Amino acid sequence: MSERKLIQNIIRQAEIIIKDAARPPVRGTIGQRAEGIRAIAILLQEQEAKRNQCEDCEGSGVITSDVARPQSFSRDIGMIDEVAVTCEECLGTGRNDE
């Protein structure tokens, strides 16, 4: 089972426990434990997303760089342009799928 599916399963099970704990008789500690489990699983989900993010483009899939455009006969003043290029490391996906 992949880590992503495991985390989704943990969240789903925690939500079931929370619903069951809300039924009479009320068992506060079970509900609190389930909420804690769900919070941990959500944090794991966020960390997993960051861990798979491409470091070169920071998950955007595009790398921007500055390019100097010097003065010429067709351009009256020189300027610096920003050019966006597809990230070669992740091929524009923004994720490192190893």
Protein backbone atom coordinates (compact mmCIF):
# COMPACT_ATOMS: atom_id res chain seq x y z
CA MET A 1 0.00 0.00 0.00
CA SER A 2 1.44 3.37 -0.95
CA GLU A 3 2.08 6.02 1.67
CA ARG A 4 -0.55 8.30 0.14
CA LYS A 5 -3.27 5.63 0.31
CA LEU A 6 -2.25 4.73 3.85
CA ILE A 7 -2.58 8.34 4.98
CA GLN A 8 -6.01 8.67 3.31
CA ASN A 9 -7.10 5.45 5.03
CA ILE A 10 -5.93 6.77 8.42
CA ILE A 11 -7.91 9.99 7.92
CA ARG A 12 -11.02 8.04 6.91
CA GLN A 13 -10.77 5.71 9.92
CA ALA A 14 -10.24 8.64 12.28
CA GLU A 15 -13.35 10.37 10.92
CA ILE A 16 -15.37 7.17 11.49
CA ILE A 17 -14.14 6.99 15.09
CA ILE A 18 -15.04 10.66 15.63
CA LYS A 19 -18.60 10.02 14.39
CA ASP A 20 -18.91 6.93 16.60
CA ALA A 21 -17.60 8.82 19.64
CA ALA A 22 -20.26 11.51 19.18
CA ARG A 23 -23.09 8.98 19.70
CA PRO A 24 -24.50 8.51 23.21
CA PRO A 25 -23.03 7.61 25.59
CA VAL A 26 -20.42 10.27 24.87
CA ARG A 27 -16.85 9.07 25.18
CA GLY A 28 -14.66 12.16 25.05
CA THR A 29 -11.31 10.44 25.19
CA ILE A 30 -12.05 8.30 22.12
CA GLY A 31 -13.09 11.39 20.17
CA GLN A 32 -10.00 13.27 21.29
CA ARG A 33 -7.74 10.40 20.28
CA ALA A 34 -9.41 10.16 16.88
CA GLU A 35 -9.04 13.91 16.32
CA GLY A 36 -5.35 13.57 17.21
CA ILE A 37 -4.93 10.70 14.76
CA ARG A 38 -6.62 12.70 12.02
CA ALA A 39 -4.43 15.75 12.73
CA ILE A 40 -1.27 13.63 12.51
CA ALA A 41 -2.42 12.05 9.25
CA ILE A 42 -3.15 15.48 7.75
CA LEU A 43 0.33 16.66 8.76
CA LEU A 44 1.84 13.55 7.16
CA GLN A 45 -0.14 14.29 4.00
CA GLU A 46 1.26 17.85 3.86
CA GLN A 47 4.81 16.61 4.47
CA GLU A 48 4.46 13.97 1.73
CA ALA A 49 3.42 16.65 -0.74
CA LYS A 50 6.44 18.80 0.18
CA ARG A 51 8.81 15.83 0.06
CA ASN A 52 7.86 15.01 -3.54
CA GLN A 53 8.18 18.63 -4.65
CA CYS A 54 10.93 19.42 -7.16
CA GLU A 55 13.73 21.38 -5.49
CA ASP A 56 14.81 23.24 -8.63
CA CYS A 57 11.45 24.84 -9.49
CA GLU A 58 9.91 24.57 -5.98
CA GLY A 59 6.94 22.64 -7.35
CA SER A 60 5.86 25.14 -10.03
CA GLY A 61 7.30 23.22 -13.00
CA VAL A 62 8.72 26.47 -14.41
CA ILE A 63 12.07 28.16 -13.83
CA THR A 64 12.32 31.90 -14.42
CA SER A 65 15.58 33.56 -15.28
CA ASP A 66 16.69 37.07 -16.17
CA VAL A 67 17.95 37.72 -19.68
CA ALA A 68 19.71 40.95 -20.63
CA ARG A 69 18.34 42.58 -23.79
CA PRO A 70 20.99 45.10 -24.83
CA GLN A 71 20.35 48.31 -26.69
CA SER A 72 20.35 47.87 -30.46
CA PHE A 73 19.04 49.46 -33.65
CA SER A 74 15.60 47.93 -33.03
CA ARG A 75 15.59 48.70 -29.26
CA ASP A 76 16.18 52.22 -28.01
CA ILE A 77 17.20 51.19 -24.48
CA GLY A 78 18.60 48.05 -22.92
CA MET A 79 16.46 46.12 -20.47
CA ILE A 80 16.34 42.94 -18.43
CA ASP A 81 13.62 40.48 -19.43
CA GLU A 82 12.29 37.63 -17.34
CA VAL A 83 12.01 34.37 -19.27
CA ALA A 84 10.09 31.30 -18.07
CA VAL A 85 11.49 27.89 -19.05
CA THR A 86 10.09 24.43 -18.30
CA CYS A 87 12.06 22.76 -15.52
CA GLU A 88 14.34 20.06 -16.95
CA GLU A 89 14.61 18.18 -13.65
CA CYS A 90 10.89 17.38 -13.29
CA LEU A 91 9.88 18.00 -16.94
CA GLY A 92 7.32 20.61 -15.87
CA THR A 93 5.38 18.42 -13.45
CA GLY A 94 6.71 20.07 -10.29
CA ARG A 95 7.19 16.66 -8.63
CA ASN A 96 10.15 14.35 -8.16
CA ASP A 97 8.72 10.93 -8.97
CA GLU A 98 11.61 8.60 -8.35
